[in-house]
Amino acid sequence: YADSVKGRFTISRDNAKNTVYLQMNSLKPEDTAVYFCNA
């Protein structure tokens, strides 16, 4: 994780579904952005 999101965000994946998730908690205005998946 990037230091700025450590402790607040959790990345996980489901390989059977070819899917990755990002659980974002305690969101801050500085988190405002376009979020892109890359694989």
PDB file of all heavy atoms in Angstrom:
ATOM      1  N   TYR A   1       0.820  -1.192   0.000  1.00  0.00           N
ATOM      2  CA  TYR A   1       0.000   0.000   0.000  1.00  0.00           C
ATOM      3  C   TYR A   1       0.859   1.249   0.000  1.00  0.00           C
ATOM      4  O   TYR A   1       1.962   1.259   0.557  1.00  0.00           O
ATOM      5  CB  TYR A   1      -0.901   0.054   1.235  1.00  0.00           C
ATOM      6  CG  TYR A   1      -1.860  -1.093   1.364  1.00  0.00           C
ATOM      7  CD1 TYR A   1      -1.536  -2.213   2.113  1.00  0.00           C
ATOM      8  CD2 TYR A   1      -3.102  -1.048   0.745  1.00  0.00           C
ATOM      9  CE1 TYR A   1      -2.423  -3.268   2.239  1.00  0.00           C
ATOM     10  CE2 TYR A   1      -3.992  -2.098   0.869  1.00  0.00           C
ATOM     11  CZ  TYR A   1      -3.648  -3.208   1.618  1.00  0.00           C
ATOM     12  OH  TYR A   1      -4.540  -4.249   1.738  1.00  0.00           O
ATOM     13  N   ALA A   2       0.328   2.298  -0.603  1.00  0.00           N
ATOM     14  CA  ALA A   2       0.932   3.605  -0.447  1.00  0.00           C
ATOM     15  C   ALA A   2       0.803   4.044   1.006  1.00  0.00           C
ATOM     16  O   ALA A   2      -0.178   3.719   1.686  1.00  0.00           O
ATOM     17  CB  ALA A   2       0.254   4.620  -1.355  1.00  0.00           C
ATOM     18  N   ASP A   3       1.797   4.774   1.491  1.00  0.00           N
ATOM     19  CA  ASP A   3       1.763   5.225   2.880  1.00  0.00           C
ATOM     20  C   ASP A   3       0.505   6.037   3.189  1.00  0.00           C
ATOM     21  O   ASP A   3      -0.019   5.969   4.307  1.00  0.00           O
ATOM     22  CB  ASP A   3       3.001   6.060   3.196  1.00  0.00           C
ATOM     23  CG  ASP A   3       4.265   5.223   3.284  1.00  0.00           C
ATOM     24  OD1 ASP A   3       4.172   3.995   3.457  1.00  0.00           O
ATOM     25  OD2 ASP A   3       5.361   5.809   3.181  1.00  0.00           O
ATOM     26  N   SER A   4       0.017   6.781   2.220  1.00  0.00           N
ATOM     27  CA  SER A   4      -1.122   7.659   2.443  1.00  0.00           C
ATOM     28  C   SER A   4      -2.427   6.909   2.699  1.00  0.00           C
ATOM     29  O   SER A   4      -3.371   7.494   3.237  1.00  0.00           O
ATOM     30  CB  SER A   4      -1.302   8.606   1.253  1.00  0.00           C
ATOM     31  OG  SER A   4      -1.525   7.876   0.060  1.00  0.00           O
ATOM     32  N   VAL A   5      -2.499   5.638   2.322  1.00  0.00           N
ATOM     33  CA  VAL A   5      -3.734   4.873   2.499  1.00  0.00           C
ATOM     34  C   VAL A   5      -3.574   3.705   3.458  1.00  0.00           C
ATOM     35  O   VAL A   5      -4.568   3.035   3.777  1.00  0.00           O
ATOM     36  CB  VAL A   5      -4.287   4.359   1.158  1.00  0.00           C
ATOM     37  CG1 VAL A   5      -4.418   5.503   0.161  1.00  0.00           C
ATOM     38  CG2 VAL A   5      -3.411   3.247   0.590  1.00  0.00           C
ATOM     39  N   LYS A   6      -2.378   3.463   3.917  1.00  0.00           N
ATOM     40  CA  LYS A   6      -2.116   2.341   4.808  1.00  0.00           C
ATOM     41  C   LYS A   6      -2.969   2.447   6.067  1.00  0.00           C
ATOM     42  O   LYS A   6      -3.040   3.502   6.699  1.00  0.00           O
ATOM     43  CB  LYS A   6      -0.635   2.301   5.156  1.00  0.00           C
ATOM     44  CG  LYS A   6      -0.119   0.939   5.571  1.00  0.00           C
ATOM     45  CD  LYS A   6       1.411   0.920   5.600  1.00  0.00           C
ATOM     46  CE  LYS A   6       2.003   1.104   4.205  1.00  0.00           C
ATOM     47  NZ  LYS A   6       3.487   1.046   4.200  1.00  0.00           N
ATOM     48  N   GLY A   7      -3.625   1.362   6.415  1.00  0.00           N
ATOM     49  CA  GLY A   7      -4.499   1.344   7.570  1.00  0.00           C
ATOM     50  C   GLY A   7      -5.922   1.746   7.281  1.00  0.00           C
ATOM     51  O   GLY A   7      -6.802   1.544   8.139  1.00  0.00           O
ATOM     52  N   ARG A   8      -6.175   2.309   6.105  1.00  0.00           N
ATOM     53  CA  ARG A   8      -7.523   2.734   5.734  1.00  0.00           C
ATOM     54  C   ARG A   8      -8.090   1.929   4.564  1.00  0.00           C
ATOM     55  O   ARG A   8      -9.297   1.683   4.512  1.00  0.00           O
ATOM     56  CB  ARG A   8      -7.541   4.214   5.357  1.00  0.00           C
ATOM     57  CG  ARG A   8      -7.097   5.136   6.485  1.00  0.00           C
ATOM     58  CD  ARG A   8      -7.308   6.600   6.109  1.00  0.00           C
ATOM     59  NE  ARG A   8      -6.502   6.986   4.951  1.00  0.00           N
ATOM     60  CZ  ARG A   8      -7.006   7.457   3.815  1.00  0.00           C
ATOM     61  NH1 ARG A   8      -8.318   7.603   3.668  1.00  0.00           N
ATOM     62  NH2 ARG A   8      -6.197   7.809   2.816  1.00  0.00           N
ATOM     63  N   PHE A   9      -7.226   1.543   3.626  1.00  0.00           N
ATOM     64  CA  PHE A   9      -7.650   0.809   2.437  1.00  0.00           C
ATOM     65  C   PHE A   9      -7.207  -0.643   2.535  1.00  0.00           C
ATOM     66  O   PHE A   9      -6.153  -0.949   3.108  1.00  0.00           O
ATOM     67  CB  PHE A   9      -7.034   1.408   1.167  1.00  0.00           C
ATOM     68  CG  PHE A   9      -7.549   2.765   0.776  1.00  0.00           C
ATOM     69  CD1 PHE A   9      -8.350   3.522   1.616  1.00  0.00           C
ATOM     70  CD2 PHE A   9      -7.205   3.290  -0.469  1.00  0.00           C
ATOM     71  CE1 PHE A   9      -8.810   4.772   1.246  1.00  0.00           C
ATOM     72  CE2 PHE A   9      -7.659   4.540  -0.854  1.00  0.00           C
ATOM     73  CZ  PHE A   9      -8.460   5.282   0.001  1.00  0.00           C
ATOM     74  N   THR A  10      -7.992  -1.528   1.930  1.00  0.00           N
ATOM     75  CA  THR A  10      -7.650  -2.940   1.862  1.00  0.00           C
ATOM     76  C   THR A  10      -7.870  -3.448   0.448  1.00  0.00           C
ATOM     77  O   THR A  10      -8.965  -3.319  -0.097  1.00  0.00           O
ATOM     78  CB  THR A  10      -8.490  -3.777   2.842  1.00  0.00           C
ATOM     79  OG1 THR A  10      -8.305  -3.301   4.177  1.00  0.00           O
ATOM     80  CG2 THR A  10      -8.072  -5.248   2.771  1.00  0.00           C
ATOM     81  N   ILE A  11      -6.836  -4.019  -0.145  1.00  0.00           N
ATOM     82  CA  ILE A  11      -6.951  -4.625  -1.461  1.00  0.00           C
ATOM     83  C   ILE A  11      -7.142  -6.130  -1.298  1.00  0.00           C
ATOM     84  O   ILE A  11      -6.546  -6.754  -0.424  1.00  0.00           O
ATOM     85  CB  ILE A  11      -5.720  -4.303  -2.339  1.00  0.00           C
ATOM     86  CG1 ILE A  11      -5.943  -4.764  -3.780  1.00  0.00           C
ATOM     87  CG2 ILE A  11      -4.445  -4.903  -1.758  1.00  0.00           C
ATOM     88  CD1 ILE A  11      -4.866  -4.272  -4.751  1.00  0.00           C
ATOM     89  N   SER A  12      -7.998  -6.706  -2.133  1.00  0.00           N
ATOM     90  CA  SER A  12      -8.243  -8.141  -2.115  1.00  0.00           C
ATOM     91  C   SER A  12      -8.586  -8.596  -3.523  1.00  0.00           C
ATOM     92  O   SER A  12      -8.775  -7.772  -4.423  1.00  0.00           O
ATOM     93  CB  SER A  12      -9.369  -8.499  -1.135  1.00  0.00           C
ATOM     94  OG  SER A  12     -10.582  -7.884  -1.512  1.00  0.00           O
ATOM     95  N   ARG A  13      -8.664  -9.903  -3.720  1.00  0.00           N
ATOM     96  CA  ARG A  13      -8.991 -10.408  -5.055  1.00  0.00           C
ATOM     97  C   ARG A  13      -9.720 -11.735  -4.964  1.00  0.00           C
ATOM     98  O   ARG A  13      -9.611 -12.472  -3.977  1.00  0.00           O
ATOM     99  CB  ARG A  13      -7.731 -10.546  -5.910  1.00  0.00           C
ATOM    100  CG  ARG A  13      -6.723 -11.569  -5.397  1.00  0.00           C
ATOM    101  CD  ARG A  13      -5.407 -11.472  -6.175  1.00  0.00           C
ATOM    102  NE  ARG A  13      -5.541 -11.944  -7.540  1.00  0.00           N
ATOM    103  CZ  ARG A  13      -4.619 -11.760  -8.497  1.00  0.00           C
ATOM    104  NH1 ARG A  13      -3.503 -11.075  -8.224  1.00  0.00           N
ATOM    105  NH2 ARG A  13      -4.821 -12.239  -9.712  1.00  0.00           N
ATOM    106  N   ASP A  14     -10.463 -12.024  -6.018  1.00  0.00           N
ATOM    107  CA  ASP A  14     -11.148 -13.295  -6.189  1.00  0.00           C
ATOM    108  C   ASP A  14     -10.666 -13.851  -7.521  1.00  0.00           C
ATOM    109  O   ASP A  14     -11.122 -13.424  -8.586  1.00  0.00           O
ATOM    110  CB  ASP A  14     -12.660 -13.104  -6.179  1.00  0.00           C
ATOM    111  CG  ASP A  14     -13.422 -14.411  -6.239  1.00  0.00           C
ATOM    112  OD1 ASP A  14     -12.876 -15.420  -6.723  1.00  0.00           O
ATOM    113  OD2 ASP A  14     -14.579 -14.439  -5.795  1.00  0.00           O
ATOM    114  N   ASN A  15      -9.740 -14.787  -7.473  1.00  0.00           N
ATOM    115  CA  ASN A  15      -9.134 -15.290  -8.699  1.00  0.00           C
ATOM    116  C   ASN A  15     -10.137 -16.026  -9.587  1.00  0.00           C
ATOM    117  O   ASN A  15     -10.025 -15.991 -10.812  1.00  0.00           O
ATOM    118  CB  ASN A  15      -7.958 -16.204  -8.359  1.00  0.00           C
ATOM    119  CG  ASN A  15      -6.783 -15.451  -7.776  1.00  0.00           C
ATOM    120  OD1 ASN A  15      -6.599 -14.263  -8.039  1.00  0.00           O
ATOM    121  ND2 ASN A  15      -5.973 -16.137  -6.983  1.00  0.00           N
ATOM    122  N   ALA A  16     -11.114 -16.692  -8.988  1.00  0.00           N
ATOM    123  CA  ALA A  16     -12.121 -17.405  -9.766  1.00  0.00           C
ATOM    124  C   ALA A  16     -12.974 -16.452 -10.591  1.00  0.00           C
ATOM    125  O   ALA A  16     -13.518 -16.837 -11.622  1.00  0.00           O
ATOM    126  CB  ALA A  16     -13.005 -18.252  -8.856  1.00  0.00           C
ATOM    127  N   LYS A  17     -13.114 -15.208 -10.128  1.00  0.00           N
ATOM    128  CA  LYS A  17     -13.915 -14.208 -10.822  1.00  0.00           C
ATOM    129  C   LYS A  17     -13.068 -13.193 -11.584  1.00  0.00           C
ATOM    130  O   LYS A  17     -13.616 -12.248 -12.152  1.00  0.00           O
ATOM    131  CB  LYS A  17     -14.813 -13.474  -9.838  1.00  0.00           C
ATOM    132  CG  LYS A  17     -15.845 -14.355  -9.174  1.00  0.00           C
ATOM    133  CD  LYS A  17     -16.699 -13.562  -8.190  1.00  0.00           C
ATOM    134  CE  LYS A  17     -17.745 -14.444  -7.545  1.00  0.00           C
ATOM    135  NZ  LYS A  17     -18.573 -13.689  -6.571  1.00  0.00           N
ATOM    136  N   ASN A  18     -11.755 -13.365 -11.589  1.00  0.00           N
ATOM    137  CA  ASN A  18     -10.846 -12.421 -12.245  1.00  0.00           C
ATOM    138  C   ASN A  18     -11.113 -10.990 -11.783  1.00  0.00           C
ATOM    139  O   ASN A  18     -11.123 -10.053 -12.584  1.00  0.00           O
ATOM    140  CB  ASN A  18     -10.975 -12.507 -13.770  1.00  0.00           C
ATOM    141  CG  ASN A  18     -10.436 -13.807 -14.323  1.00  0.00           C
ATOM    142  OD1 ASN A  18      -9.494 -14.382 -13.791  1.00  0.00           O
ATOM    143  ND2 ASN A  18     -11.035 -14.271 -15.412  1.00  0.00           N
ATOM    144  N   THR A  19     -11.299 -10.837 -10.492  1.00  0.00           N
ATOM    145  CA  THR A  19     -11.726  -9.557  -9.942  1.00  0.00           C
ATOM    146  C   THR A  19     -10.833  -9.132  -8.783  1.00  0.00           C
ATOM    147  O   THR A  19     -10.458  -9.959  -7.946  1.00  0.00           O
ATOM    148  CB  THR A  19     -13.182  -9.626  -9.467  1.00  0.00           C
ATOM    149  OG1 THR A  19     -14.026  -9.945 -10.583  1.00  0.00           O
ATOM    150  CG2 THR A  19     -13.632  -8.304  -8.874  1.00  0.00           C
ATOM    151  N   VAL A  20     -10.518  -7.847  -8.744  1.00  0.00           N
ATOM    152  CA  VAL A  20      -9.793  -7.244  -7.639  1.00  0.00           C
ATOM    153  C   VAL A  20     -10.682  -6.177  -7.009  1.00  0.00           C
ATOM    154  O   VAL A  20     -11.464  -5.515  -7.701  1.00  0.00           O
ATOM    155  CB  VAL A  20      -8.441  -6.652  -8.094  1.00  0.00           C
ATOM    156  CG1 VAL A  20      -8.635  -5.518  -9.095  1.00  0.00           C
ATOM    157  CG2 VAL A  20      -7.618  -6.190  -6.898  1.00  0.00           C
ATOM    158  N   TYR A  21     -10.571  -6.023  -5.695  1.00  0.00           N
ATOM    159  CA  TYR A  21     -11.383  -5.083  -4.947  1.00  0.00           C
ATOM    160  C   TYR A  21     -10.490  -4.108  -4.184  1.00  0.00           C
ATOM    161  O   TYR A  21      -9.348  -4.414  -3.847  1.00  0.00           O
ATOM    162  CB  TYR A  21     -12.274  -5.805  -3.938  1.00  0.00           C
ATOM    163  CG  TYR A  21     -13.126  -6.894  -4.537  1.00  0.00           C
ATOM    164  CD1 TYR A  21     -12.685  -8.209  -4.552  1.00  0.00           C
ATOM    165  CD2 TYR A  21     -14.370  -6.607  -5.084  1.00  0.00           C
ATOM    166  CE1 TYR A  21     -13.460  -9.211  -5.099  1.00  0.00           C
ATOM    167  CE2 TYR A  21     -15.149  -7.602  -5.631  1.00  0.00           C
ATOM    168  CZ  TYR A  21     -14.693  -8.904  -5.639  1.00  0.00           C
ATOM    169  OH  TYR A  21     -15.468  -9.899  -6.187  1.00  0.00           O
ATOM    170  N   LEU A  22     -11.043  -2.949  -3.896  1.00  0.00           N
ATOM    171  CA  LEU A  22     -10.389  -1.993  -3.017  1.00  0.00           C
ATOM    172  C   LEU A  22     -11.427  -1.464  -2.039  1.00  0.00           C
ATOM    173  O   LEU A  22     -12.314  -0.697  -2.422  1.00  0.00           O
ATOM    174  CB  LEU A  22      -9.763  -0.838  -3.802  1.00  0.00           C
ATOM    175  CG  LEU A  22      -8.913   0.128  -2.975  1.00  0.00           C
ATOM    176  CD1 LEU A  22      -7.644  -0.569  -2.477  1.00  0.00           C
ATOM    177  CD2 LEU A  22      -8.551   1.366  -3.793  1.00  0.00           C
ATOM    178  N   GLN A  23     -11.327  -1.899  -0.796  1.00  0.00           N
ATOM    179  CA  GLN A  23     -12.182  -1.397   0.266  1.00  0.00           C
ATOM    180  C   GLN A  23     -11.546  -0.139   0.834  1.00  0.00           C
ATOM    181  O   GLN A  23     -10.420  -0.185   1.326  1.00  0.00           O
ATOM    182  CB  GLN A  23     -12.361  -2.440   1.364  1.00  0.00           C
ATOM    183  CG  GLN A  23     -13.209  -1.983   2.539  1.00  0.00           C
ATOM    184  CD  GLN A  23     -14.649  -1.736   2.157  1.00  0.00           C
ATOM    185  OE1 GLN A  23     -15.261  -2.568   1.496  1.00  0.00           O
ATOM    186  NE2 GLN A  23     -15.190  -0.595   2.554  1.00  0.00           N
ATOM    187  N   MET A  24     -12.254   0.974   0.761  1.00  0.00           N
ATOM    188  CA  MET A  24     -11.736   2.261   1.185  1.00  0.00           C
ATOM    189  C   MET A  24     -12.559   2.759   2.362  1.00  0.00           C
ATOM    190  O   MET A  24     -13.750   3.039   2.222  1.00  0.00           O
ATOM    191  CB  MET A  24     -11.776   3.274   0.040  1.00  0.00           C
ATOM    192  CG  MET A  24     -11.054   2.800  -1.217  1.00  0.00           C
ATOM    193  SD  MET A  24     -10.984   4.064  -2.509  1.00  0.00           S
ATOM    194  CE  MET A  24     -12.737   4.234  -2.880  1.00  0.00           C
ATOM    195  N   ASN A  25     -11.923   2.870   3.515  1.00  0.00           N
ATOM    196  CA  ASN A  25     -12.562   3.348   4.731  1.00  0.00           C
ATOM    197  C   ASN A  25     -11.930   4.661   5.176  1.00  0.00           C
ATOM    198  O   ASN A  25     -10.832   5.009   4.762  1.00  0.00           O
ATOM    199  CB  ASN A  25     -12.441   2.311   5.851  1.00  0.00           C
ATOM    200  CG  ASN A  25     -13.102   1.006   5.529  1.00  0.00           C
ATOM    201  OD1 ASN A  25     -14.132   0.959   4.847  1.00  0.00           O
ATOM    202  ND2 ASN A  25     -12.532  -0.090   6.037  1.00  0.00           N
ATOM    203  N   SER A  26     -12.629   5.363   6.047  1.00  0.00           N
ATOM    204  CA  SER A  26     -12.136   6.635   6.583  1.00  0.00           C
ATOM    205  C   SER A  26     -11.662   7.559   5.477  1.00  0.00           C
ATOM    206  O   SER A  26     -10.569   8.139   5.542  1.00  0.00           O
ATOM    207  CB  SER A  26     -11.010   6.381   7.589  1.00  0.00           C
ATOM    208  OG  SER A  26     -11.450   5.550   8.647  1.00  0.00           O
ATOM    209  N   LEU A  27     -12.481   7.705   4.467  1.00  0.00           N
ATOM    210  CA  LEU A  27     -12.092   8.483   3.295  1.00  0.00           C
ATOM    211  C   LEU A  27     -11.881   9.950   3.635  1.00  0.00           C
ATOM    212  O   LEU A  27     -12.584  10.519   4.473  1.00  0.00           O
ATOM    213  CB  LEU A  27     -13.134   8.336   2.198  1.00  0.00           C
ATOM    214  CG  LEU A  27     -13.053   7.014   1.433  1.00  0.00           C
ATOM    215  CD1 LEU A  27     -14.351   6.736   0.699  1.00  0.00           C
ATOM    216  CD2 LEU A  27     -11.882   7.045   0.461  1.00  0.00           C
ATOM    217  N   LYS A  28     -10.904  10.536   2.964  1.00  0.00           N
ATOM    218  CA  LYS A  28     -10.545  11.935   3.131  1.00  0.00           C
ATOM    219  C   LYS A  28     -10.713  12.666   1.804  1.00  0.00           C
ATOM    220  O   LYS A  28     -10.644  12.045   0.746  1.00  0.00           O
ATOM    221  CB  LYS A  28      -9.083  12.062   3.588  1.00  0.00           C
ATOM    222  CG  LYS A  28      -8.724  11.271   4.824  1.00  0.00           C
ATOM    223  CD  LYS A  28      -7.227  11.332   5.084  1.00  0.00           C
ATOM    224  CE  LYS A  28      -6.841  10.534   6.312  1.00  0.00           C
ATOM    225  NZ  LYS A  28      -5.365  10.569   6.543  1.00  0.00           N
ATOM    226  N   PRO A  29     -10.901  13.983   1.848  1.00  0.00           N
ATOM    227  CA  PRO A  29     -10.986  14.734   0.592  1.00  0.00           C
ATOM    228  C   PRO A  29      -9.775  14.514  -0.316  1.00  0.00           C
ATOM    229  O   PRO A  29      -9.923  14.529  -1.546  1.00  0.00           O
ATOM    230  CB  PRO A  29     -11.074  16.191   1.058  1.00  0.00           C
ATOM    231  CG  PRO A  29     -11.756  16.097   2.379  1.00  0.00           C
ATOM    232  CD  PRO A  29     -11.224  14.838   3.010  1.00  0.00           C
ATOM    233  N   GLU A  30      -8.614  14.300   0.242  1.00  0.00           N
ATOM    234  CA  GLU A  30      -7.412  14.065  -0.556  1.00  0.00           C
ATOM    235  C   GLU A  30      -7.461  12.746  -1.317  1.00  0.00           C
ATOM    236  O   GLU A  30      -6.631  12.514  -2.196  1.00  0.00           O
ATOM    237  CB  GLU A  30      -6.158  14.106   0.331  1.00  0.00           C
ATOM    238  CG  GLU A  30      -6.069  12.962   1.324  1.00  0.00           C
ATOM    239  CD  GLU A  30      -4.886  13.090   2.272  1.00  0.00           C
ATOM    240  OE1 GLU A  30      -4.637  14.216   2.756  1.00  0.00           O
ATOM    241  OE2 GLU A  30      -4.213  12.083   2.532  1.00  0.00           O
ATOM    242  N   ASP A  31      -8.412  11.878  -0.994  1.00  0.00           N
ATOM    243  CA  ASP A  31      -8.593  10.631  -1.733  1.00  0.00           C
ATOM    244  C   ASP A  31      -9.371  10.836  -3.028  1.00  0.00           C
ATOM    245  O   ASP A  31      -9.486   9.904  -3.829  1.00  0.00           O
ATOM    246  CB  ASP A  31      -9.316   9.593  -0.876  1.00  0.00           C
ATOM    247  CG  ASP A  31      -8.517   9.177   0.342  1.00  0.00           C
ATOM    248  OD1 ASP A  31      -7.292   8.973   0.217  1.00  0.00           O
ATOM    249  OD2 ASP A  31      -9.123   9.040   1.429  1.00  0.00           O
ATOM    250  N   THR A  32      -9.920  12.022  -3.230  1.00  0.00           N
ATOM    251  CA  THR A  32     -10.675  12.307  -4.446  1.00  0.00           C
ATOM    252  C   THR A  32      -9.786  12.145  -5.668  1.00  0.00           C
ATOM    253  O   THR A  32      -8.723  12.765  -5.767  1.00  0.00           O
ATOM    254  CB  THR A  32     -11.255  13.723  -4.400  1.00  0.00           C
ATOM    255  OG1 THR A  32     -12.215  13.811  -3.340  1.00  0.00           O
ATOM    256  CG2 THR A  32     -11.934  14.074  -5.712  1.00  0.00           C
ATOM    257  N   ALA A  33     -10.217  11.305  -6.600  1.00  0.00           N
ATOM    258  CA  ALA A  33      -9.426  11.008  -7.788  1.00  0.00           C
ATOM    259  C   ALA A  33     -10.203  10.050  -8.673  1.00  0.00           C
ATOM    260  O   ALA A  33     -11.221   9.492  -8.268  1.00  0.00           O
ATOM    261  CB  ALA A  33      -8.083  10.379  -7.403  1.00  0.00           C
ATOM    262  N   VAL A  34      -9.704   9.860  -9.883  1.00  0.00           N
ATOM    263  CA  VAL A  34     -10.138   8.750 -10.712  1.00  0.00           C
ATOM    264  C   VAL A  34      -9.272   7.550 -10.359  1.00  0.00           C
ATOM    265  O   VAL A  34      -8.041   7.646 -10.367  1.00  0.00           O
ATOM    266  CB  VAL A  34     -10.029   9.063 -12.212  1.00  0.00           C
ATOM    267  CG1 VAL A  34     -10.436   7.850 -13.042  1.00  0.00           C
ATOM    268  CG2 VAL A  34     -10.898  10.258 -12.566  1.00  0.00           C
ATOM    269  N   TYR A  35      -9.916   6.446 -10.040  1.00  0.00           N
ATOM    270  CA  TYR A  35      -9.211   5.234  -9.654  1.00  0.00           C
ATOM    271  C   TYR A  35      -9.181   4.257 -10.820  1.00  0.00           C
ATOM    272  O   TYR A  35     -10.216   3.968 -11.432  1.00  0.00           O
ATOM    273  CB  TYR A  35      -9.884   4.600  -8.436  1.00  0.00           C
ATOM    274  CG  TYR A  35      -9.562   5.317  -7.150  1.00  0.00           C
ATOM    275  CD1 TYR A  35     -10.083   6.581  -6.892  1.00  0.00           C
ATOM    276  CD2 TYR A  35      -8.711   4.748  -6.199  1.00  0.00           C
ATOM    277  CE1 TYR A  35      -9.773   7.260  -5.732  1.00  0.00           C
ATOM    278  CE2 TYR A  35      -8.408   5.421  -5.031  1.00  0.00           C
ATOM    279  CZ  TYR A  35      -8.936   6.676  -4.799  1.00  0.00           C
ATOM    280  OH  TYR A  35      -8.627   7.340  -3.631  1.00  0.00           O
ATOM    281  N   PHE A  36      -7.995   3.755 -11.121  1.00  0.00           N
ATOM    282  CA  PHE A  36      -7.773   2.858 -12.247  1.00  0.00           C
ATOM    283  C   PHE A  36      -7.294   1.496 -11.774  1.00  0.00           C
ATOM    284  O   PHE A  36      -6.434   1.403 -10.895  1.00  0.00           O
ATOM    285  CB  PHE A  36      -6.717   3.423 -13.200  1.00  0.00           C
ATOM    286  CG  PHE A  36      -7.097   4.714 -13.862  1.00  0.00           C
ATOM    287  CD1 PHE A  36      -6.776   5.929 -13.283  1.00  0.00           C
ATOM    288  CD2 PHE A  36      -7.763   4.709 -15.075  1.00  0.00           C
ATOM    289  CE1 PHE A  36      -7.108   7.124 -13.888  1.00  0.00           C
ATOM    290  CE2 PHE A  36      -8.100   5.894 -15.693  1.00  0.00           C
ATOM    291  CZ  PHE A  36      -7.778   7.105 -15.103  1.00  0.00           C
ATOM    292  N   CYS A  37      -7.825   0.472 -12.386  1.00  0.00           N
ATOM    293  CA  CYS A  37      -7.354  -0.884 -12.197  1.00  0.00           C
ATOM    294  C   CYS A  37      -6.304  -1.202 -13.252  1.00  0.00           C
ATOM    295  O   CYS A  37      -6.428  -0.805 -14.415  1.00  0.00           O
ATOM    296  CB  CYS A  37      -8.532  -1.853 -12.311  1.00  0.00           C
ATOM    297  SG  CYS A  37      -8.103  -3.595 -12.229  1.00  0.00           S
ATOM    298  N   ASN A  38      -5.268  -1.906 -12.854  1.00  0.00           N
ATOM    299  CA  ASN A  38      -4.225  -2.365 -13.766  1.00  0.00           C
ATOM    300  C   ASN A  38      -3.876  -3.801 -13.409  1.00  0.00           C
ATOM    301  O   ASN A  38      -3.867  -4.163 -12.231  1.00  0.00           O
ATOM    302  CB  ASN A  38      -2.995  -1.462 -13.661  1.00  0.00           C
ATOM    303  CG  ASN A  38      -1.824  -1.951 -14.484  1.00  0.00           C
ATOM    304  OD1 ASN A  38      -0.816  -2.419 -13.948  1.00  0.00           O
ATOM    305  ND2 ASN A  38      -1.944  -1.841 -15.804  1.00  0.00           N
ATOM    306  N   ALA A  39      -3.595  -4.616 -14.423  1.00  0.00           N
ATOM    307  CA  ALA A  39      -3.280  -6.016 -14.159  1.00  0.00           C
ATOM    308  C   ALA A  39      -2.364  -6.582 -15.219  1.00  0.00           C
ATOM    309  O   ALA A  39      -2.416  -6.179 -16.386  1.00  0.00           O
ATOM    310  CB  ALA A  39      -4.561  -6.853 -14.085  1.00  0.00           C
TER     311      ALA A  39
END
